[in-house]
Amino acid sequence: MSDHDLLRRYAAEGSQPAFAEIVSRHLDLVYSAARRQVSSPHLAEEIAQSVFLDLARHASRLGADTPLVAWLHLVTRRTAIDTIRREARRVAREGAAAALMKADLSLKAASWSTVEPLLDEAVESLDTPDRTAILLRFFENRSLREVGAALGTSDDAAQKRVSRALEQLRTFFLRRGVTVTAAGLATDLSAQALQIAPASLGAAISAATAASTTAAAGAALETTRLVAMTTLQKSIAIAVFAAIGGAGIYQAAAYVREDSNLTQLQTQSTALLRELGSTRASHETLTRRLAEVETQIDARLAQARRAPLPADPKLEGTLATWLTRANRLQSLLSSRPELAIPELRLLSSEQWIEIASKSAAGVDTGSDPAIKDALALARKTAEQLFAPQLRRALKAYVEDSGGMLPDSLYQLLPHFDSPVAPALLSRYQLLQTGKLADLPRMDQVNWLIETREAVDVERDNIVSMGTDGWAMHSASSPSARVQWRKAIQKPKP
């Protein structure tokens, strides 16, 4: 049973065995990611419990197209950041903030000690399919066959994707001043990336989840460790991650400035504690002053939650640049329709802003290569949105028609999850018709639909799909259509 099948069963029936199976499958991945972020095994266990409680709470809302391992990795990193900030404040009041952030120097290999602090940031920088492949292969020790099955591709395609992802990770580390080969990185990940979580942690998480489902929803959330964090701490983490979409960029800036004010107050608190320990004569006076500083800290936290957030000119300028660039890219499509594809209508405003944020500044000055690169990224993003929808519609048609393939792609329109414009199918073509079981099979996927042609051969991909999965490959490489012809023309023994 797949992860999403188990999640649906838990969301619909409250099945604890289903959720316990999910915990069993992915606990080591979550614990390892948390352990790399914090030096304390105890904190790593807290983070793991918090992540799975989050999963239980969002089980009914997690989309089937979202790889669970990627979702868990992202939430683990966010929770770890929130936890680090909470612990930093606590330790600062005790005068030992530096101890929380002390690096773990017990690693055996010097190369791993330079890779580990950057590993989770590097993995998160990958595209979702590449990130999922790396997490499954090295963080959960899955075979290439299992990785391919999860991605809807063959063993060979999974191997190529893992190799490309390793090369992207190697480039990431190189830009951070860490030199490592792709082969060395694969060895290190195989040996070091996965740490076995404590045996009792899985049972503790399952028990906590079971307890949370028996109480009212509001009361259950009140009893979790998440509520122990202050609203400000959560807001800081959420604002930072929302900034790429533009929506939280002002909050992120304001809370960073607020942290600076809090740090000054916390420094005063630590100094007073030292004074208190050195002289008993002024004990009552210093205690009163310490209480005043603590009161100021609490008041500052409350004010940060209530007060309107001041603007940050620098961040405002960055957001304005992204918005202008996104609008420019969309307007260019009107004057240069040859660079547009129908799937672009699926992109949201937030996705256009994200594309703009990843595009070169040359877009703003009218640089043709920069514009073409940016629009190629937009086309790829749009194709990645539409391809899973088209594959599901194809699979539904084949199932409803007793294994027969459509004679026209427009026959798939009634089988989409939600209505789509017929124009979106105009760029695709059927590679074969007839009965699916009678067709020659290549690898693990029968390629049945393919993009007719690429807008930009140098920059774009060709999308190929069958009922079992879909894939993108460079427009300059042999397409699925060519492979089909070879398979069909191959003489039978």
Protein backbone atom coordinates (compact mmCIF):
# COMPACT_ATOMS: atom_id res chain seq x y z
CA MET A 1 0.00 0.00 0.00
CA SER A 2 1.44 3.40 -0.98
CA ASP A 3 2.10 6.27 1.45
CA HIS A 4 -0.87 8.24 0.15
CA ASP A 5 -3.16 5.21 0.44
CA LEU A 6 -2.14 4.88 4.08
CA LEU A 7 -2.68 8.62 4.65
CA ARG A 8 -6.14 8.50 3.09
CA ARG A 9 -7.02 5.53 5.28
CA TYR A 10 -5.82 7.34 8.38
CA ALA A 11 -7.66 10.56 7.44
CA ALA A 12 -10.90 8.74 6.65
CA GLU A 13 -10.92 6.06 9.35
CA GLY A 14 -8.43 7.27 11.96
CA SER A 15 -6.52 4.02 11.43
CA GLN A 16 -3.59 3.96 13.86
CA PRO A 17 -1.96 0.90 12.16
CA ALA A 18 -1.91 2.85 8.87
CA PHE A 19 -0.25 5.84 10.50
CA ALA A 20 2.16 3.61 12.41
CA GLU A 21 3.26 2.10 9.07
CA ILE A 22 3.99 5.59 7.70
CA VAL A 23 6.01 6.38 10.83
CA SER A 24 7.92 3.11 10.44
CA ARG A 25 8.75 3.86 6.80
CA HIS A 26 9.97 7.44 7.23
CA LEU A 27 11.02 7.89 10.86
CA ASP A 28 14.74 7.40 10.14
CA LEU A 29 14.61 10.02 7.37
CA VAL A 30 12.92 12.61 9.63
CA TYR A 31 15.12 11.87 12.64
CA SER A 32 18.31 12.07 10.55
CA ALA A 33 17.33 15.42 9.03
CA ALA A 34 16.47 16.78 12.48
CA ARG A 35 19.70 15.42 13.98
CA ARG A 36 21.77 17.29 11.41
CA GLN A 37 20.08 20.55 12.35
CA VAL A 38 20.40 20.24 16.14
CA SER A 39 23.20 18.81 18.26
CA SER A 40 20.92 17.23 20.84
CA PRO A 41 19.37 13.78 20.22
CA HIS A 42 16.59 14.77 22.63
CA LEU A 43 15.71 17.82 20.52
CA ALA A 44 15.86 15.69 17.37
CA GLU A 45 13.28 13.34 18.91
CA GLU A 46 11.06 16.32 19.77
CA ILE A 47 11.30 17.59 16.21
CA ALA A 48 10.47 14.15 14.78
CA GLN A 49 7.39 13.90 17.00
CA SER A 50 6.30 17.41 16.01
CA VAL A 51 6.70 16.63 12.28
CA PHE A 52 4.56 13.49 12.46
CA LEU A 53 1.94 15.29 14.53
CA ASP A 54 1.86 17.90 11.76
CA LEU A 55 1.43 15.09 9.23
CA ALA A 56 -1.47 13.65 11.23
CA ARG A 57 -3.13 17.05 11.37
CA HIS A 58 -2.71 17.66 7.61
CA ALA A 59 -3.30 14.08 6.42
CA SER A 60 -6.59 14.91 4.70
CA ARG A 61 -5.11 17.94 2.90
CA LEU A 62 -1.88 16.46 1.53
CA GLY A 63 -2.28 16.16 -2.25
CA ALA A 64 -1.64 12.90 -4.04
CA ASP A 65 0.87 14.66 -6.32
CA THR A 66 3.02 15.75 -3.35
CA PRO A 67 5.82 13.22 -2.64
CA LEU A 68 5.56 12.43 1.07
CA VAL A 69 9.32 12.16 1.60
CA ALA A 70 9.84 15.65 0.16
CA TRP A 71 7.03 17.07 2.34
CA LEU A 72 8.47 15.44 5.46
CA HIS A 73 11.98 16.73 4.72
CA LEU A 74 10.77 20.31 4.22
CA VAL A 75 8.59 20.31 7.36
CA THR A 76 11.45 18.78 9.38
CA ARG A 77 13.80 21.57 8.35
CA ARG A 78 11.22 24.27 9.16
CA THR A 79 10.44 22.70 12.54
CA ALA A 80 14.15 22.40 13.32
CA ILE A 81 14.68 26.10 12.57
CA ASP A 82 11.77 26.99 14.84
CA THR A 83 13.14 24.73 17.57
CA ILE A 84 16.64 26.18 17.30
CA ARG A 85 15.27 29.69 17.77
CA ARG A 86 13.22 28.62 20.77
CA GLU A 87 16.21 26.94 22.38
CA ALA A 88 18.48 29.89 21.57
CA ARG A 89 16.20 32.21 23.55
CA ARG A 90 16.03 29.82 26.49
CA VAL A 91 19.78 29.28 26.60
CA ALA A 92 20.46 33.02 26.21
CA ARG A 93 18.53 33.69 29.42
CA GLU A 94 20.74 31.14 31.18
CA GLY A 95 23.90 32.68 29.74
CA ALA A 96 24.83 29.67 27.59
CA ALA A 97 23.44 30.36 24.10
CA ALA A 98 26.68 29.34 22.41
CA ALA A 99 26.36 25.77 23.70
CA LEU A 100 23.17 25.13 21.68
CA MET A 101 24.83 25.90 18.35
CA LYS A 102 28.03 23.93 19.02
CA ALA A 103 28.92 21.73 16.07
CA ASP A 104 29.10 17.98 16.42
CA LEU A 105 32.82 17.20 16.01
CA SER A 106 32.55 13.44 16.45
CA LEU A 107 32.25 12.61 12.75
CA LYS A 108 34.86 10.14 11.54
CA ALA A 109 35.40 11.53 8.01
CA ALA A 110 36.67 15.09 7.56
CA SER A 111 34.87 15.42 4.24
CA TRP A 112 31.53 14.53 5.80
CA SER A 113 32.05 17.17 8.52
CA THR A 114 32.11 19.85 5.81
CA VAL A 115 29.20 18.38 3.84
CA GLU A 116 26.79 17.64 6.70
CA PRO A 117 26.01 21.24 7.82
CA LEU A 118 24.99 22.16 4.26
CA LEU A 119 23.35 18.87 3.26
CA ASP A 120 19.69 19.64 4.00
CA GLU A 121 19.91 23.08 2.39
CA ALA A 122 21.51 21.46 -0.67
CA VAL A 123 18.80 18.77 -0.92
CA GLU A 124 16.06 21.38 -0.59
CA SER A 125 17.56 23.36 -3.51
CA LEU A 126 16.81 20.46 -5.92
CA ASP A 127 13.65 20.24 -8.01
CA THR A 128 10.95 18.04 -6.46
CA PRO A 129 11.60 14.92 -8.65
CA ASP A 130 15.38 15.12 -8.07
CA ARG A 131 14.94 15.75 -4.35
CA THR A 132 12.55 12.81 -4.07
CA ALA A 133 15.02 10.55 -5.90
CA ILE A 134 17.92 11.51 -3.58
CA LEU A 135 15.83 11.12 -0.42
CA LEU A 136 14.52 7.70 -1.44
CA ARG A 137 17.90 6.41 -2.67
CA PHE A 138 20.22 7.57 0.12
CA PHE A 139 18.03 8.69 3.02
CA GLU A 140 15.72 5.67 2.98
CA ASN A 141 18.08 3.18 1.29
CA ARG A 142 15.60 2.31 -1.45
CA SER A 143 16.69 0.32 -4.51
CA LEU A 144 16.72 1.93 -7.96
CA ARG A 145 13.69 -0.18 -8.86
CA GLU A 146 11.80 1.25 -5.89
CA VAL A 147 12.94 4.79 -6.72
CA GLY A 148 11.81 4.34 -10.31
CA ALA A 149 8.45 2.96 -9.20
CA ALA A 150 7.90 5.92 -6.89
CA LEU A 151 8.73 8.38 -9.67
CA GLY A 152 6.83 6.48 -12.35
CA THR A 153 9.98 5.73 -14.39
CA SER A 154 12.25 2.80 -15.19
CA ASP A 155 15.31 1.65 -13.23
CA ASP A 156 17.62 3.25 -15.81
CA ALA A 157 15.73 6.53 -15.71
CA ALA A 158 15.88 6.51 -11.91
CA GLN A 159 19.65 5.91 -12.07
CA LYS A 160 20.10 8.82 -14.45
CA ARG A 161 17.98 11.11 -12.29
CA VAL A 162 19.98 10.16 -9.17
CA SER A 163 23.25 10.79 -11.03
CA ARG A 164 22.06 14.19 -12.26
CA ALA A 165 20.89 15.10 -8.76
CA LEU A 166 24.28 14.10 -7.28
CA GLU A 167 26.00 16.33 -9.83
CA GLN A 168 23.71 19.23 -8.87
CA LEU A 169 24.54 18.64 -5.19
CA ARG A 170 28.26 18.58 -6.02
CA THR A 171 27.88 21.94 -7.79
CA PHE A 172 25.98 23.35 -4.80
CA PHE A 173 28.77 22.35 -2.41
CA LEU A 174 31.44 23.68 -4.76
CA ARG A 175 29.77 27.10 -4.73
CA ARG A 176 29.94 26.98 -0.92
CA GLY A 177 33.65 26.26 -0.99
CA VAL A 178 33.33 22.50 -0.36
CA THR A 179 35.06 20.32 -2.94
CA VAL A 180 33.63 16.83 -3.30
CA THR A 181 33.18 14.42 -6.20
CA ALA A 182 29.80 13.01 -7.16
CA ALA A 183 31.09 9.49 -6.44
CA GLY A 184 32.49 10.56 -3.07
CA LEU A 185 29.23 12.29 -2.23
CA ALA A 186 27.26 9.14 -3.07
CA THR A 187 29.58 7.12 -0.79
CA ASP A 188 29.22 9.60 2.06
CA LEU A 189 25.43 9.73 1.72
CA SER A 190 25.17 5.94 1.68
CA ALA A 191 27.29 5.65 4.81
CA GLN A 192 26.30 8.73 6.82
CA ALA A 193 23.00 10.30 5.72
CA LEU A 194 20.69 7.86 7.48
CA GLN A 195 20.87 7.64 11.27
CA ILE A 196 18.73 5.06 13.01
CA ALA A 197 16.17 6.72 15.23
CA PRO A 198 15.81 5.47 18.83
CA ALA A 199 13.69 2.32 18.97
CA SER A 200 11.23 3.88 21.39
CA LEU A 201 10.59 6.97 19.28
CA GLY A 202 8.24 5.29 16.77
CA ALA A 203 6.04 3.95 19.55
CA ALA A 204 6.03 7.35 21.26
CA ILE A 205 4.93 9.10 18.07
CA SER A 206 2.17 6.58 17.40
CA ALA A 207 0.97 6.93 20.98
CA ALA A 208 1.00 10.74 20.76
CA THR A 209 -0.91 10.62 17.48
CA ALA A 210 -3.49 8.22 18.91
CA ALA A 211 -3.97 10.52 21.90
CA SER A 212 -4.41 13.55 19.69
CA THR A 213 -7.19 11.91 17.68
CA THR A 214 -9.29 11.01 20.74
CA ALA A 215 -9.64 14.59 22.01
CA ALA A 216 -11.44 17.50 20.39
CA ALA A 217 -9.51 19.11 17.57
CA GLY A 218 -8.97 22.37 19.41
CA ALA A 219 -7.92 20.71 22.68
CA ALA A 220 -5.62 18.31 20.87
CA LEU A 221 -3.73 21.13 19.20
CA GLU A 222 -3.42 22.89 22.57
CA THR A 223 -1.61 19.86 24.04
CA THR A 224 1.01 19.39 21.33
CA ARG A 225 4.53 20.72 21.58
CA LEU A 226 3.83 23.05 18.68
CA VAL A 227 1.65 25.24 20.85
CA ALA A 228 4.50 25.46 23.37
CA MET A 229 6.30 27.58 20.82
CA THR A 230 5.39 31.23 20.83
CA THR A 231 3.34 32.68 18.03
CA LEU A 232 6.25 34.97 17.20
CA GLN A 233 8.63 32.03 16.75
CA LYS A 234 6.27 30.30 14.36
CA SER A 235 5.60 33.54 12.50
CA ILE A 236 9.32 34.09 11.90
CA ALA A 237 9.79 30.65 10.32
CA ILE A 238 6.59 30.90 8.27
CA ALA A 239 7.45 34.40 7.08
CA VAL A 240 10.93 33.42 5.90
CA PHE A 241 9.64 30.50 3.85
CA ALA A 242 6.69 32.49 2.46
CA ALA A 243 9.02 35.25 1.28
CA ILE A 244 9.78 33.51 -2.02
CA GLY A 245 6.13 33.89 -2.95
CA GLY A 246 6.21 37.54 -1.92
CA ALA A 247 3.39 37.25 0.60
CA GLY A 248 5.51 37.18 3.79
CA ILE A 249 8.45 39.36 2.82
CA TYR A 250 7.42 42.31 5.03
CA GLN A 251 6.84 40.14 8.12
CA ALA A 252 10.22 38.43 7.68
CA ALA A 253 12.06 41.77 7.68
CA ALA A 254 10.17 43.19 10.66
CA TYR A 255 10.71 40.14 12.83
CA VAL A 256 14.41 40.04 12.00
CA ARG A 257 14.68 43.62 13.32
CA GLU A 258 12.59 42.62 16.33
CA ASP A 259 15.00 39.77 17.06
CA SER A 260 17.84 42.31 17.27
CA ASN A 261 15.94 44.28 19.93
CA LEU A 262 15.20 41.10 21.87
CA THR A 263 18.86 40.06 21.74
CA GLN A 264 19.89 43.34 23.38
CA LEU A 265 17.37 42.80 26.18
CA GLN A 266 18.50 39.21 26.62
CA THR A 267 22.14 40.39 26.89
CA GLN A 268 21.10 42.71 29.71
CA SER A 269 19.33 39.81 31.40
CA THR A 270 22.48 37.65 31.25
CA ALA A 271 24.66 40.46 32.65
CA LEU A 272 22.28 40.92 35.58
CA LEU A 273 22.40 37.22 36.34
CA ARG A 274 26.20 37.39 36.60
CA GLU A 275 25.95 40.36 38.94
CA LEU A 276 23.43 38.51 41.05
CA GLY A 277 25.84 35.64 41.53
CA SER A 278 28.79 37.87 42.46
CA THR A 279 27.24 39.94 45.22
CA ARG A 280 24.63 38.99 47.79
CA ALA A 281 24.29 42.50 49.17
CA SER A 282 22.39 43.79 46.16
CA HIS A 283 20.34 40.63 45.73
CA GLU A 284 16.93 42.23 46.07
CA THR A 285 17.78 45.21 43.84
CA LEU A 286 19.23 43.04 41.09
CA THR A 287 16.31 40.63 41.27
CA ARG A 288 13.92 43.54 40.80
CA ARG A 289 15.95 44.85 37.84
CA LEU A 290 16.06 41.37 36.33
CA ALA A 291 12.28 41.09 36.65
CA GLU A 292 11.92 44.46 34.91
CA VAL A 293 14.06 43.29 31.98
CA GLU A 294 12.07 40.05 31.74
CA THR A 295 8.88 42.09 31.74
CA GLN A 296 10.28 44.22 28.90
CA ILE A 297 11.04 41.06 26.92
CA ASP A 298 7.50 39.76 27.40
CA ALA A 299 6.07 43.15 26.48
CA ARG A 300 8.23 43.29 23.35
CA LEU A 301 6.98 39.85 22.29
CA ALA A 302 3.38 40.89 22.85
CA GLN A 303 3.94 44.14 20.96
CA ALA A 304 5.49 42.28 18.04
CA ARG A 305 2.35 40.17 17.74
CA ARG A 306 -0.01 43.16 17.84
CA ALA A 307 1.79 46.11 16.30
CA PRO A 308 1.62 46.92 12.56
CA LEU A 309 4.81 45.89 10.82
CA PRO A 310 7.07 48.67 9.51
CA ALA A 311 8.22 48.54 5.94
CA ASP A 312 11.71 47.52 4.90
CA PRO A 313 12.89 49.53 1.85
CA LYS A 314 15.43 46.93 0.77
CA LEU A 315 13.00 44.03 0.88
CA GLU A 316 10.28 46.15 -0.68
CA GLY A 317 12.66 46.89 -3.53
CA THR A 318 13.40 43.20 -4.01
CA LEU A 319 9.71 42.32 -4.12
CA ALA A 320 9.00 45.20 -6.50
CA THR A 321 11.76 43.95 -8.81
CA TRP A 322 10.28 40.44 -8.83
CA LEU A 323 6.77 41.72 -9.48
CA THR A 324 7.96 43.96 -12.30
CA ARG A 325 9.98 41.12 -13.81
CA ALA A 326 7.04 38.71 -13.58
CA ASN A 327 4.73 41.23 -15.28
CA ARG A 328 7.34 41.85 -17.97
CA LEU A 329 7.65 38.14 -18.72
CA GLN A 330 3.88 37.75 -19.03
CA SER A 331 3.57 40.82 -21.26
CA LEU A 332 6.39 39.55 -23.50
CA LEU A 333 4.26 36.51 -24.31
CA SER A 334 1.77 38.80 -26.06
CA SER A 335 4.41 40.26 -28.34
CA ARG A 336 6.29 36.98 -28.79
CA PRO A 337 3.60 34.29 -29.00
CA GLU A 338 6.08 31.83 -30.49
CA LEU A 339 7.57 31.49 -26.99
CA ALA A 340 4.21 30.67 -25.35
CA ILE A 341 2.46 27.36 -24.73
CA PRO A 342 -1.17 26.83 -23.63
CA GLU A 343 -0.06 25.27 -20.33
CA LEU A 344 1.22 28.66 -19.13
CA ARG A 345 -2.36 29.60 -18.23
CA LEU A 346 -2.09 27.12 -15.35
CA LEU A 347 0.58 29.19 -13.57
CA SER A 348 -0.56 31.22 -10.57
CA SER A 349 0.66 34.71 -9.71
CA GLU A 350 2.82 33.26 -6.94
CA GLN A 351 4.45 30.85 -9.38
CA TRP A 352 5.21 33.69 -11.82
CA ILE A 353 6.85 35.61 -8.98
CA GLU A 354 8.91 32.55 -8.04
CA ILE A 355 10.02 32.16 -11.67
CA ALA A 356 10.95 35.85 -11.73
CA SER A 357 12.97 35.46 -8.52
CA LYS A 358 15.01 32.65 -10.14
CA SER A 359 15.53 34.51 -13.42
CA ALA A 360 18.58 36.56 -14.33
CA ALA A 361 18.53 40.34 -13.98
CA GLY A 362 19.07 40.54 -17.74
CA VAL A 363 15.31 40.11 -18.13
CA ASP A 364 14.88 43.64 -16.80
CA THR A 365 17.22 45.11 -19.43
CA GLY A 366 15.76 43.15 -22.35
CA SER A 367 18.55 40.59 -22.69
CA ASP A 368 17.24 38.03 -25.19
CA PRO A 369 19.13 35.01 -23.69
CA ALA A 370 17.92 35.92 -20.18
CA ILE A 371 14.33 36.28 -21.42
CA LYS A 372 14.47 32.95 -23.23
CA ASP A 373 15.93 31.23 -20.15
CA ALA A 374 13.21 32.68 -17.94
CA LEU A 375 10.39 31.70 -20.29
CA ALA A 376 11.88 28.21 -20.66
CA LEU A 377 11.67 27.88 -16.87
CA ALA A 378 8.04 29.07 -17.01
CA ARG A 379 7.21 26.49 -19.70
CA LYS A 380 8.89 23.71 -17.71
CA THR A 381 6.97 24.66 -14.56
CA ALA A 382 3.68 24.72 -16.46
CA GLU A 383 4.37 21.36 -18.12
CA GLN A 384 5.15 19.85 -14.72
CA LEU A 385 1.73 21.02 -13.54
CA PHE A 386 -0.16 19.63 -16.52
CA ALA A 387 1.67 16.32 -17.11
CA PRO A 388 0.32 14.52 -13.99
CA GLN A 389 -3.21 15.64 -14.84
CA LEU A 390 -2.92 14.31 -18.39
CA ARG A 391 -1.44 11.00 -17.20
CA ARG A 392 -4.27 10.47 -14.72
CA ALA A 393 -6.86 11.23 -17.41
CA LEU A 394 -5.20 8.70 -19.75
CA LYS A 395 -5.14 6.03 -17.05
CA ALA A 396 -8.80 6.66 -16.18
CA TYR A 397 -9.82 6.38 -19.85
CA VAL A 398 -7.95 3.07 -20.30
CA GLU A 399 -9.51 1.62 -17.17
CA ASP A 400 -13.02 2.72 -18.18
CA SER A 401 -12.64 1.42 -21.75
CA GLY A 402 -11.45 -2.07 -20.87
CA GLY A 403 -7.81 -1.53 -21.78
CA MET A 404 -8.37 0.33 -25.07
CA LEU A 405 -6.41 3.49 -25.90
CA PRO A 406 -8.17 6.59 -27.22
CA ASP A 407 -8.18 7.40 -30.92
CA SER A 408 -7.95 11.11 -30.11
CA LEU A 409 -6.59 12.96 -27.11
CA TYR A 410 -9.81 14.95 -26.90
CA GLN A 411 -11.54 11.76 -25.75
CA LEU A 412 -9.66 12.25 -22.48
CA LEU A 413 -11.39 15.53 -21.62
CA PRO A 414 -14.20 13.96 -19.52
CA HIS A 415 -11.62 12.04 -17.48
CA PHE A 416 -9.65 14.98 -16.06
CA ASP A 417 -9.98 15.64 -12.32
CA SER A 418 -11.21 19.14 -13.15
CA PRO A 419 -12.22 20.66 -16.50
CA VAL A 420 -9.37 21.72 -18.80
CA ALA A 421 -9.38 23.74 -22.00
CA PRO A 422 -9.06 21.59 -25.15
CA ALA A 423 -6.21 23.87 -26.28
CA LEU A 424 -3.97 22.33 -23.62
CA LEU A 425 -4.05 19.03 -25.52
CA SER A 426 -3.01 20.59 -28.83
CA ARG A 427 0.72 20.27 -28.09
CA TYR A 428 0.53 16.53 -27.46
CA GLN A 429 0.10 13.51 -29.71
CA LEU A 430 -0.74 9.84 -29.32
CA LEU A 431 2.13 7.49 -30.13
CA GLN A 432 -0.09 4.40 -30.38
CA THR A 433 -3.75 3.39 -30.45
CA GLY A 434 -5.52 0.09 -30.02
CA LYS A 435 -5.41 -2.29 -27.07
CA LEU A 436 -2.76 -1.46 -24.51
CA ALA A 437 -1.92 -5.10 -23.75
CA ASP A 438 -1.05 -5.74 -27.43
CA LEU A 439 1.58 -2.99 -27.67
CA PRO A 440 5.35 -3.63 -27.46
CA ARG A 441 6.67 -2.70 -24.01
CA MET A 442 9.81 -0.67 -23.34
CA ASP A 443 11.39 -0.76 -19.88
CA GLN A 444 8.70 -0.44 -17.19
CA VAL A 445 6.60 2.22 -18.90
CA ASN A 446 4.72 2.13 -22.19
CA TRP A 447 5.19 5.62 -23.62
CA LEU A 448 1.83 6.51 -25.17
CA ILE A 449 1.69 10.33 -25.33
CA GLU A 450 4.40 12.82 -26.19
CA THR A 451 4.89 16.53 -26.81
CA ARG A 452 4.74 17.25 -30.55
CA GLU A 453 7.71 19.60 -30.58
CA ALA A 454 9.70 21.89 -28.28
CA VAL A 455 9.41 25.67 -28.46
CA ASP A 456 13.16 26.03 -27.86
CA VAL A 457 15.17 22.90 -28.66
CA GLU A 458 18.22 24.14 -26.76
CA ARG A 459 16.34 24.95 -23.54
CA ASP A 460 13.13 22.91 -23.45
CA ASN A 461 12.20 19.33 -22.65
CA ILE A 462 10.00 16.77 -24.33
CA VAL A 463 7.28 15.34 -22.09
CA SER A 464 6.55 11.61 -22.53
CA MET A 465 4.01 9.62 -20.57
CA GLY A 466 2.10 6.40 -20.24
CA THR A 467 -0.46 5.04 -17.83
CA ASP A 468 2.29 4.12 -15.35
CA GLY A 469 4.20 7.41 -15.24
CA TRP A 470 5.62 10.40 -17.07
CA ALA A 471 9.07 11.88 -17.65
CA MET A 472 10.84 14.87 -19.16
CA HIS A 473 13.99 14.61 -21.28
CA SER A 474 16.01 17.10 -23.27
CA ALA A 475 14.49 18.08 -26.58
CA SER A 476 17.83 17.40 -28.22
CA SER A 477 17.91 13.72 -27.13
CA PRO A 478 16.03 10.82 -28.78
CA SER A 479 12.36 11.03 -27.94
CA ALA A 480 9.96 8.33 -26.86
CA ARG A 481 8.51 8.46 -30.37
CA VAL A 482 11.85 7.32 -31.86
CA GLN A 483 12.14 4.58 -29.24
CA TRP A 484 8.62 3.37 -30.09
CA ARG A 485 9.48 3.07 -33.75
CA LYS A 486 12.56 0.99 -32.91
CA ALA A 487 10.47 -1.26 -30.66
CA ILE A 488 7.73 -1.70 -33.26
CA GLN A 489 10.14 -2.39 -36.12
CA LYS A 490 12.29 -4.81 -34.11
CA PRO A 491 11.82 -8.29 -35.64
CA LYS A 492 10.26 -10.83 -33.33
CA PRO A 493 12.32 -13.99 -32.57
